[in-house]
Amino acid sequence: MTEPTRIEITPGPISTLTLHCERGLNLLQTGTISDLQQALQELQRQKDLRVLILSGGLGKSFCAGADIGELLSLDNIPYYVEQGQQLMESLFHFPVPVIAAINGYALGAGFSLALACELRVISEQARIGQLAVRNGLTPPFGNIQHLLQAIGPVKTKELLYTGRVFSASEAEAAGLINRVVPHAELLNAARQLAEEICVAPGHAISWVKRIVNRTIEEGHAVGYLTQEEALIQCLGDERTRSILGRFLKN
C-alpha cells in the first residue's frame, strides 16, 4: 500500500503548507486533495494571513504526481476529477498570493499543483513536466489552462505532446518559473519573496490578484471594470489614505 501524503500547516502572516511522506514522493492522493482543500479553508479564516507558501520540504519531490495504484482502483472517477479541479481553482482564487516552493520533481498532477500557484520559486535540482499523454491520459486539473496563460499555445502544445521534463533553468527560460535558487536556499528564497510582497498593504495586493485573475478568465473588458472598481475602493480606504497622508508629510 502506498504511504499517504500528509499535510503540515505552519500558520502566520506568511503561512506554509508542506506536503510530506517518508519516501519523499508526496503523491497527490484523494486524501491529499481533501486535506489540502480543508487546510485552505482553515487558512482563509486566519485574519492576519498575507501570503501562502506551498512546499514539498527539501526532499526529492514537490509532488511526483497522482498515485497510479489509486487511479486504477477508483470507484468514482468523475468525483476524483471534480475534487482535483476544485482544489486547483481554490489555489488559483485563494485571496492572498500563493507561492510554490518547488524542491524536486513536480510531475503530472504535481505539475498541475505547481501551476495553480501564481508564483513559483524552484530549486536548481528540481524537474517539472507533464507526462499525462505518455500514459494515455490528458493533463489533469486545469493544467492546460494554466500553461496557456504562462507560455501560450505553441509552447503548451509542444510541452504536452512530447511529455518533456524541464530542468529548473529550462523552466525559467520558458516562462514557467519566477526564480531559480540553490536547493538549500529554496525555503528561505520563497519566504524572502513573500516578505517582499508583504511590504505593500494586503488590500491592494488582493485587488491586484483579483484584477489579473478576472482579466485572464473573463477578458479585458471585465478586467478594466474590475480595475476601475479597485481603484475607487482603494482611494476611499482609510488604510490607503493613511499611507498617502504620511507620504505628504515626508
C-alpha atoms as a PDB file:
ATOM      1  CA  MET A   1       0.000   0.000   0.000  1.00  0.00           C
ATOM      2  CA  THR A   2       1.301   3.451  -0.920  1.00  0.00           C
ATOM      3  CA  GLU A   3       2.205   5.629   2.024  1.00  0.00           C
ATOM      4  CA  PRO A   4      -0.241   8.526   2.471  1.00  0.00           C
ATOM      5  CA  THR A   5       0.960  12.073   1.912  1.00  0.00           C
ATOM      6  CA  ARG A   6       0.472  14.235   4.991  1.00  0.00           C
ATOM      7  CA  ILE A   7      -0.138  17.979   5.130  1.00  0.00           C
ATOM      8  CA  GLU A   8       1.658  20.122   7.694  1.00  0.00           C
ATOM      9  CA  ILE A   9       0.390  23.654   8.375  1.00  0.00           C
ATOM     10  CA  THR A  10       2.671  26.370   9.719  1.00  0.00           C
ATOM     11  CA  PRO A  11       0.371  29.339  10.418  1.00  0.00           C
ATOM     12  CA  GLY A  12       1.288  33.016  10.493  1.00  0.00           C
ATOM     13  CA  PRO A  13       1.120  36.100   8.255  1.00  0.00           C
ATOM     14  CA  ILE A  14       3.302  34.047   5.903  1.00  0.00           C
ATOM     15  CA  SER A  15       1.788  30.582   6.254  1.00  0.00           C
ATOM     16  CA  THR A  16       3.244  27.369   4.860  1.00  0.00           C
ATOM     17  CA  LEU A  17       1.567  24.181   3.690  1.00  0.00           C
ATOM     18  CA  THR A  18       4.083  21.348   3.408  1.00  0.00           C
ATOM     19  CA  LEU A  19       3.479  18.020   1.682  1.00  0.00           C
ATOM     20  CA  HIS A  20       5.284  15.194   3.431  1.00  0.00           C
ATOM     21  CA  CYS A  21       5.741  11.441   3.217  1.00  0.00           C
ATOM     22  CA  GLU A  22       8.667   9.284   4.293  1.00  0.00           C
ATOM     23  CA  ARG A  23       9.560   8.126   0.763  1.00  0.00           C
ATOM     24  CA  GLY A  24       9.511  11.728  -0.439  1.00  0.00           C
ATOM     25  CA  LEU A  25       7.163  11.243  -3.414  1.00  0.00           C
ATOM     26  CA  ASN A  26       4.385  13.435  -1.965  1.00  0.00           C
ATOM     27  CA  LEU A  27       1.777  11.863  -4.250  1.00  0.00           C
ATOM     28  CA  LEU A  28      -1.469  13.745  -4.816  1.00  0.00           C
ATOM     29  CA  GLN A  29      -3.895  11.147  -3.481  1.00  0.00           C
ATOM     30  CA  THR A  30      -7.617  11.566  -2.888  1.00  0.00           C
ATOM     31  CA  GLY A  31      -6.908  12.070   0.803  1.00  0.00           C
ATOM     32  CA  THR A  32      -4.244  14.652  -0.009  1.00  0.00           C
ATOM     33  CA  ILE A  33      -6.669  16.585  -2.196  1.00  0.00           C
ATOM     34  CA  SER A  34      -9.246  16.612   0.605  1.00  0.00           C
ATOM     35  CA  ASP A  35      -6.671  17.583   3.249  1.00  0.00           C
ATOM     36  CA  LEU A  36      -5.302  20.429   1.123  1.00  0.00           C
ATOM     37  CA  GLN A  37      -8.786  21.768   0.459  1.00  0.00           C
ATOM     38  CA  GLN A  38      -9.581  21.672   4.173  1.00  0.00           C
ATOM     39  CA  ALA A  39      -6.272  23.384   5.002  1.00  0.00           C
ATOM     40  CA  LEU A  40      -7.016  26.184   2.535  1.00  0.00           C
ATOM     41  CA  GLN A  41     -10.417  26.725   4.129  1.00  0.00           C
ATOM     42  CA  GLU A  42      -8.844  26.892   7.590  1.00  0.00           C
ATOM     43  CA  LEU A  43      -6.174  29.342   6.468  1.00  0.00           C
ATOM     44  CA  GLN A  44      -8.744  31.645   4.870  1.00  0.00           C
ATOM     45  CA  ARG A  45     -10.171  32.208   8.347  1.00  0.00           C
ATOM     46  CA  GLN A  46      -6.782  33.463   9.554  1.00  0.00           C
ATOM     47  CA  LYS A  47      -7.246  37.244   9.612  1.00  0.00           C
ATOM     48  CA  ASP A  48      -3.546  38.154   9.546  1.00  0.00           C
ATOM     49  CA  LEU A  49      -2.709  35.926   6.548  1.00  0.00           C
ATOM     50  CA  ARG A  50      -0.772  37.775   3.835  1.00  0.00           C
ATOM     51  CA  VAL A  51       0.996  35.100   1.731  1.00  0.00           C
ATOM     52  CA  LEU A  52       0.782  31.311   1.470  1.00  0.00           C
ATOM     53  CA  ILE A  53       3.766  29.099   0.567  1.00  0.00           C
ATOM     54  CA  LEU A  54       3.099  25.579  -0.722  1.00  0.00           C
ATOM     55  CA  SER A  55       6.142  23.354  -0.313  1.00  0.00           C
ATOM     56  CA  GLY A  56       7.350  19.793  -0.609  1.00  0.00           C
ATOM     57  CA  GLY A  57      10.011  20.445   2.025  1.00  0.00           C
ATOM     58  CA  LEU A  58      13.561  19.709   0.876  1.00  0.00           C
ATOM     59  CA  GLY A  59      13.027  16.089  -0.185  1.00  0.00           C
ATOM     60  CA  LYS A  60      13.225  14.637  -3.681  1.00  0.00           C
ATOM     61  CA  SER A  61       9.723  15.652  -4.811  1.00  0.00           C
ATOM     62  CA  PHE A  62       7.456  18.673  -4.585  1.00  0.00           C
ATOM     63  CA  CYS A  63       4.700  16.358  -5.786  1.00  0.00           C
ATOM     64  CA  ALA A  64       5.555  13.448  -8.070  1.00  0.00           C
ATOM     65  CA  GLY A  65       2.002  13.200  -9.399  1.00  0.00           C
ATOM     66  CA  ALA A  66      -1.042  11.061  -8.767  1.00  0.00           C
ATOM     67  CA  ASP A  67      -0.979   7.689  -7.038  1.00  0.00           C
ATOM     68  CA  ILE A  68      -1.203   5.311 -10.026  1.00  0.00           C
ATOM     69  CA  GLY A  69      -2.360   2.398  -7.893  1.00  0.00           C
ATOM     70  CA  GLU A  70      -5.149   4.540  -6.518  1.00  0.00           C
ATOM     71  CA  LEU A  71      -6.171   5.702 -10.008  1.00  0.00           C
ATOM     72  CA  LEU A  72      -6.610   2.101 -11.100  1.00  0.00           C
ATOM     73  CA  SER A  73      -8.869   1.328  -8.143  1.00  0.00           C
ATOM     74  CA  LEU A  74     -11.093   4.433  -8.143  1.00  0.00           C
ATOM     75  CA  ASP A  75     -14.780   3.683  -7.571  1.00  0.00           C
ATOM     76  CA  ASN A  76     -15.942   7.135  -8.657  1.00  0.00           C
ATOM     77  CA  ILE A  77     -13.723   8.624 -11.362  1.00  0.00           C
ATOM     78  CA  PRO A  78     -15.861  11.769 -12.015  1.00  0.00           C
ATOM     79  CA  TYR A  79     -15.790  12.643  -8.303  1.00  0.00           C
ATOM     80  CA  TYR A  80     -11.998  12.329  -8.170  1.00  0.00           C
ATOM     81  CA  VAL A  81     -11.555  14.561 -11.230  1.00  0.00           C
ATOM     82  CA  GLU A  82     -14.034  17.117  -9.879  1.00  0.00           C
ATOM     83  CA  GLN A  83     -12.328  17.269  -6.473  1.00  0.00           C
ATOM     84  CA  GLY A  84      -8.903  17.724  -8.054  1.00  0.00           C
ATOM     85  CA  GLN A  85     -10.184  20.510 -10.284  1.00  0.00           C
ATOM     86  CA  GLN A  86     -11.841  22.260  -7.347  1.00  0.00           C
ATOM     87  CA  LEU A  87      -8.565  22.168  -5.399  1.00  0.00           C
ATOM     88  CA  MET A  88      -6.691  23.888  -8.231  1.00  0.00           C
ATOM     89  CA  GLU A  89      -9.413  26.519  -8.507  1.00  0.00           C
ATOM     90  CA  SER A  90      -9.219  27.115  -4.748  1.00  0.00           C
ATOM     91  CA  LEU A  91      -5.472  27.694  -5.026  1.00  0.00           C
ATOM     92  CA  PHE A  92      -5.799  29.933  -8.070  1.00  0.00           C
ATOM     93  CA  HIS A  93      -8.522  32.053  -6.424  1.00  0.00           C
ATOM     94  CA  PHE A  94      -7.065  31.980  -2.906  1.00  0.00           C
ATOM     95  CA  PRO A  95      -7.467  35.524  -1.517  1.00  0.00           C
ATOM     96  CA  VAL A  96      -3.738  36.099  -0.921  1.00  0.00           C
ATOM     97  CA  PRO A  97      -0.726  35.325  -3.159  1.00  0.00           C
ATOM     98  CA  VAL A  98       0.330  31.671  -3.267  1.00  0.00           C
ATOM     99  CA  ILE A  99       3.989  30.748  -3.839  1.00  0.00           C
ATOM    100  CA  ALA A 100       5.032  27.243  -4.864  1.00  0.00           C
ATOM    101  CA  ALA A 101       8.442  26.329  -3.412  1.00  0.00           C
ATOM    102  CA  ILE A 102       9.349  23.539  -5.840  1.00  0.00           C
ATOM    103  CA  ASN A 103      12.041  21.436  -4.213  1.00  0.00           C
ATOM    104  CA  GLY A 104      12.150  18.436  -6.552  1.00  0.00           C
ATOM    105  CA  TYR A 105      10.002  16.554  -9.040  1.00  0.00           C
ATOM    106  CA  ALA A 106       6.722  18.259  -9.961  1.00  0.00           C
ATOM    107  CA  LEU A 107       5.216  15.859 -12.481  1.00  0.00           C
ATOM    108  CA  GLY A 108       1.732  15.114 -13.785  1.00  0.00           C
ATOM    109  CA  ALA A 109      -0.812  16.172 -11.165  1.00  0.00           C
ATOM    110  CA  GLY A 110       2.110  17.656  -9.207  1.00  0.00           C
ATOM    111  CA  PHE A 111       2.892  19.893 -12.178  1.00  0.00           C
ATOM    112  CA  SER A 112      -0.768  20.969 -12.183  1.00  0.00           C
ATOM    113  CA  LEU A 113      -0.475  21.745  -8.468  1.00  0.00           C
ATOM    114  CA  ALA A 114       2.596  23.919  -9.023  1.00  0.00           C
ATOM    115  CA  LEU A 115       0.963  25.823 -11.894  1.00  0.00           C
ATOM    116  CA  ALA A 116      -2.145  26.559  -9.817  1.00  0.00           C
ATOM    117  CA  CYS A 117       0.162  28.628  -7.583  1.00  0.00           C
ATOM    118  CA  GLU A 118       0.641  32.038  -9.193  1.00  0.00           C
ATOM    119  CA  LEU A 119       4.307  32.447  -8.200  1.00  0.00           C
ATOM    120  CA  ARG A 120       6.952  29.732  -8.385  1.00  0.00           C
ATOM    121  CA  VAL A 121      10.400  29.508  -6.819  1.00  0.00           C
ATOM    122  CA  ILE A 122      12.326  26.389  -7.813  1.00  0.00           C
ATOM    123  CA  SER A 123      15.400  24.532  -6.601  1.00  0.00           C
ATOM    124  CA  GLU A 124      18.129  24.203  -9.203  1.00  0.00           C
ATOM    125  CA  GLN A 125      17.848  20.431  -8.655  1.00  0.00           C
ATOM    126  CA  ALA A 126      14.119  20.256  -9.454  1.00  0.00           C
ATOM    127  CA  ARG A 127      12.490  18.859 -12.580  1.00  0.00           C
ATOM    128  CA  ILE A 128       8.975  19.663 -13.795  1.00  0.00           C
ATOM    129  CA  GLY A 129       6.775  18.375 -16.580  1.00  0.00           C
ATOM    130  CA  GLN A 130       3.516  16.837 -17.699  1.00  0.00           C
ATOM    131  CA  LEU A 131       3.735  13.150 -18.632  1.00  0.00           C
ATOM    132  CA  ALA A 132      -0.003  12.522 -18.986  1.00  0.00           C
ATOM    133  CA  VAL A 133      -0.113  11.827 -22.730  1.00  0.00           C
ATOM    134  CA  ARG A 134       2.667   9.255 -22.433  1.00  0.00           C
ATOM    135  CA  ASN A 135       0.394   7.338 -20.083  1.00  0.00           C
ATOM    136  CA  GLY A 136      -2.678   7.621 -22.308  1.00  0.00           C
ATOM    137  CA  LEU A 137      -4.202  10.440 -20.260  1.00  0.00           C
ATOM    138  CA  THR A 138      -4.996  14.097 -20.758  1.00  0.00           C
ATOM    139  CA  PRO A 139      -3.394  16.644 -18.388  1.00  0.00           C
ATOM    140  CA  PRO A 140      -5.414  16.953 -15.179  1.00  0.00           C
ATOM    141  CA  PHE A 141      -6.901  19.701 -13.069  1.00  0.00           C
ATOM    142  CA  GLY A 142      -6.634  22.895 -15.157  1.00  0.00           C
ATOM    143  CA  ASN A 143      -3.073  22.190 -16.252  1.00  0.00           C
ATOM    144  CA  ILE A 144      -3.675  23.176 -19.884  1.00  0.00           C
ATOM    145  CA  GLN A 145      -5.368  26.457 -18.975  1.00  0.00           C
ATOM    146  CA  HIS A 146      -2.569  27.495 -16.626  1.00  0.00           C
ATOM    147  CA  LEU A 147       0.071  26.531 -19.195  1.00  0.00           C
ATOM    148  CA  LEU A 148      -1.669  28.611 -21.861  1.00  0.00           C
ATOM    149  CA  GLN A 149      -1.629  31.599 -19.536  1.00  0.00           C
ATOM    150  CA  ALA A 150       2.070  31.143 -18.806  1.00  0.00           C
ATOM    151  CA  ILE A 151       3.635  30.215 -22.152  1.00  0.00           C
ATOM    152  CA  GLY A 152       0.994  30.441 -24.899  1.00  0.00           C
ATOM    153  CA  PRO A 153      -0.496  27.777 -27.196  1.00  0.00           C
ATOM    154  CA  VAL A 154       2.557  26.877 -29.289  1.00  0.00           C
ATOM    155  CA  LYS A 155       4.844  26.081 -26.352  1.00  0.00           C
ATOM    156  CA  THR A 156       1.966  24.474 -24.445  1.00  0.00           C
ATOM    157  CA  LYS A 157       1.272  22.019 -27.253  1.00  0.00           C
ATOM    158  CA  GLU A 158       4.954  21.137 -27.597  1.00  0.00           C
ATOM    159  CA  LEU A 159       5.325  20.508 -23.870  1.00  0.00           C
ATOM    160  CA  LEU A 160       2.172  18.397 -23.653  1.00  0.00           C
ATOM    161  CA  TYR A 161       2.579  16.460 -26.903  1.00  0.00           C
ATOM    162  CA  THR A 162       6.139  15.417 -26.068  1.00  0.00           C
ATOM    163  CA  GLY A 163       5.736  14.906 -22.316  1.00  0.00           C
ATOM    164  CA  ARG A 164       9.058  16.643 -21.913  1.00  0.00           C
ATOM    165  CA  VAL A 165      10.514  17.140 -18.443  1.00  0.00           C
ATOM    166  CA  PHE A 166      12.189  20.518 -17.905  1.00  0.00           C
ATOM    167  CA  SER A 167      15.202  21.328 -15.766  1.00  0.00           C
ATOM    168  CA  ALA A 168      14.863  24.326 -13.463  1.00  0.00           C
ATOM    169  CA  SER A 169      16.784  26.612 -15.826  1.00  0.00           C
ATOM    170  CA  GLU A 170      14.764  25.431 -18.842  1.00  0.00           C
ATOM    171  CA  ALA A 171      11.522  26.031 -16.960  1.00  0.00           C
ATOM    172  CA  GLU A 172      12.644  29.548 -16.067  1.00  0.00           C
ATOM    173  CA  ALA A 173      13.615  30.284 -19.684  1.00  0.00           C
ATOM    174  CA  ALA A 174      10.200  29.046 -20.846  1.00  0.00           C
ATOM    175  CA  GLY A 175       8.441  31.492 -18.508  1.00  0.00           C
ATOM    176  CA  LEU A 176       7.115  28.919 -16.039  1.00  0.00           C
ATOM    177  CA  ILE A 177       9.244  29.968 -13.061  1.00  0.00           C
ATOM    178  CA  ASN A 178       9.922  33.231 -11.221  1.00  0.00           C
ATOM    179  CA  ARG A 179      13.217  32.357  -9.522  1.00  0.00           C
ATOM    180  CA  VAL A 180      15.761  29.513  -9.598  1.00  0.00           C
ATOM    181  CA  VAL A 181      17.795  29.163  -6.402  1.00  0.00           C
ATOM    182  CA  PRO A 182      20.279  26.731  -4.801  1.00  0.00           C
ATOM    183  CA  HIS A 183      18.471  23.786  -3.237  1.00  0.00           C
ATOM    184  CA  ALA A 184      19.443  24.569   0.355  1.00  0.00           C
ATOM    185  CA  GLU A 185      18.183  28.154  -0.043  1.00  0.00           C
ATOM    186  CA  LEU A 186      14.763  27.291  -1.501  1.00  0.00           C
ATOM    187  CA  LEU A 187      12.545  27.831   1.527  1.00  0.00           C
ATOM    188  CA  ASN A 188      14.389  30.999   2.531  1.00  0.00           C
ATOM    189  CA  ALA A 189      14.078  32.318  -1.028  1.00  0.00           C
ATOM    190  CA  ALA A 190      10.339  31.636  -1.071  1.00  0.00           C
ATOM    191  CA  ARG A 191       9.963  33.390   2.259  1.00  0.00           C
ATOM    192  CA  GLN A 192      12.047  36.330   1.030  1.00  0.00           C
ATOM    193  CA  LEU A 193       9.687  36.736  -1.931  1.00  0.00           C
ATOM    194  CA  ALA A 194       6.737  36.559   0.462  1.00  0.00           C
ATOM    195  CA  GLU A 195       8.294  39.266   2.642  1.00  0.00           C
ATOM    196  CA  GLU A 196       8.773  41.486  -0.415  1.00  0.00           C
ATOM    197  CA  ILE A 197       5.068  41.109  -1.155  1.00  0.00           C
ATOM    198  CA  CYS A 198       4.152  41.921   2.453  1.00  0.00           C
ATOM    199  CA  VAL A 199       5.738  45.364   2.160  1.00  0.00           C
ATOM    200  CA  ALA A 200       2.617  46.510   0.293  1.00  0.00           C
ATOM    201  CA  PRO A 201      -0.734  46.674   2.129  1.00  0.00           C
ATOM    202  CA  GLY A 202      -2.735  43.480   1.849  1.00  0.00           C
ATOM    203  CA  HIS A 203      -5.924  45.022   0.475  1.00  0.00           C
ATOM    204  CA  ALA A 204      -4.059  46.419  -2.543  1.00  0.00           C
ATOM    205  CA  ILE A 205      -2.355  43.074  -3.225  1.00  0.00           C
ATOM    206  CA  SER A 206      -5.691  41.238  -3.028  1.00  0.00           C
ATOM    207  CA  TRP A 207      -7.245  43.662  -5.502  1.00  0.00           C
ATOM    208  CA  VAL A 208      -4.362  43.222  -7.946  1.00  0.00           C
ATOM    209  CA  LYS A 209      -4.734  39.440  -7.784  1.00  0.00           C
ATOM    210  CA  ARG A 210      -8.464  39.733  -8.403  1.00  0.00           C
ATOM    211  CA  ILE A 211      -7.955  42.063 -11.383  1.00  0.00           C
ATOM    212  CA  VAL A 212      -5.382  39.808 -13.028  1.00  0.00           C
ATOM    213  CA  ASN A 213      -7.436  36.650 -12.473  1.00  0.00           C
ATOM    214  CA  ARG A 214     -10.652  38.190 -13.786  1.00  0.00           C
ATOM    215  CA  THR A 215      -8.842  39.536 -16.842  1.00  0.00           C
ATOM    216  CA  ILE A 216      -7.439  36.064 -17.549  1.00  0.00           C
ATOM    217  CA  GLU A 217     -10.764  34.310 -17.079  1.00  0.00           C
ATOM    218  CA  GLU A 218     -13.289  36.845 -18.372  1.00  0.00           C
ATOM    219  CA  GLY A 219     -11.362  39.101 -20.749  1.00  0.00           C
ATOM    220  CA  HIS A 220     -10.036  42.638 -20.830  1.00  0.00           C
ATOM    221  CA  ALA A 221     -13.432  44.356 -20.671  1.00  0.00           C
ATOM    222  CA  VAL A 222     -14.212  42.754 -17.302  1.00  0.00           C
ATOM    223  CA  GLY A 223     -10.624  43.355 -16.212  1.00  0.00           C
ATOM    224  CA  TYR A 224     -10.939  47.078 -16.927  1.00  0.00           C
ATOM    225  CA  LEU A 225     -14.158  47.301 -14.918  1.00  0.00           C
ATOM    226  CA  THR A 226     -12.598  45.422 -12.005  1.00  0.00           C
ATOM    227  CA  GLN A 227      -9.545  47.680 -12.123  1.00  0.00           C
ATOM    228  CA  GLU A 228     -11.796  50.744 -12.049  1.00  0.00           C
ATOM    229  CA  GLU A 229     -13.739  49.358  -9.092  1.00  0.00           C
ATOM    230  CA  ALA A 230     -10.495  48.512  -7.278  1.00  0.00           C
ATOM    231  CA  LEU A 231      -9.045  52.000  -7.617  1.00  0.00           C
ATOM    232  CA  ILE A 232     -12.276  53.586  -6.392  1.00  0.00           C
ATOM    233  CA  GLN A 233     -12.320  51.286  -3.362  1.00  0.00           C
ATOM    234  CA  CYS A 234      -8.639  51.841  -2.570  1.00  0.00           C
ATOM    235  CA  LEU A 235      -8.884  55.634  -2.824  1.00  0.00           C
ATOM    236  CA  GLY A 236     -11.725  55.547  -0.303  1.00  0.00           C
ATOM    237  CA  ASP A 237      -9.979  53.088   2.025  1.00  0.00           C
ATOM    238  CA  GLU A 238      -8.679  54.560   5.286  1.00  0.00           C
ATOM    239  CA  ARG A 239      -5.561  52.378   5.106  1.00  0.00           C
ATOM    240  CA  THR A 240      -4.664  53.853   1.729  1.00  0.00           C
ATOM    241  CA  ARG A 241      -5.486  57.387   2.825  1.00  0.00           C
ATOM    242  CA  SER A 242      -3.248  56.983   5.872  1.00  0.00           C
ATOM    243  CA  ILE A 243      -0.327  55.868   3.671  1.00  0.00           C
ATOM    244  CA  LEU A 244      -0.851  58.775   1.259  1.00  0.00           C
ATOM    245  CA  GLY A 245      -1.092  61.178   4.185  1.00  0.00           C
ATOM    246  CA  ARG A 246       2.270  60.008   5.548  1.00  0.00           C
ATOM    247  CA  PHE A 247       3.748  60.414   2.066  1.00  0.00           C
ATOM    248  CA  LEU A 248       2.704  64.075   2.011  1.00  0.00           C
ATOM    249  CA  LYS A 249       4.240  64.697   5.428  1.00  0.00           C
ATOM    250  CA  ASN A 250       7.592  63.387   4.192  1.00  0.00           C
END
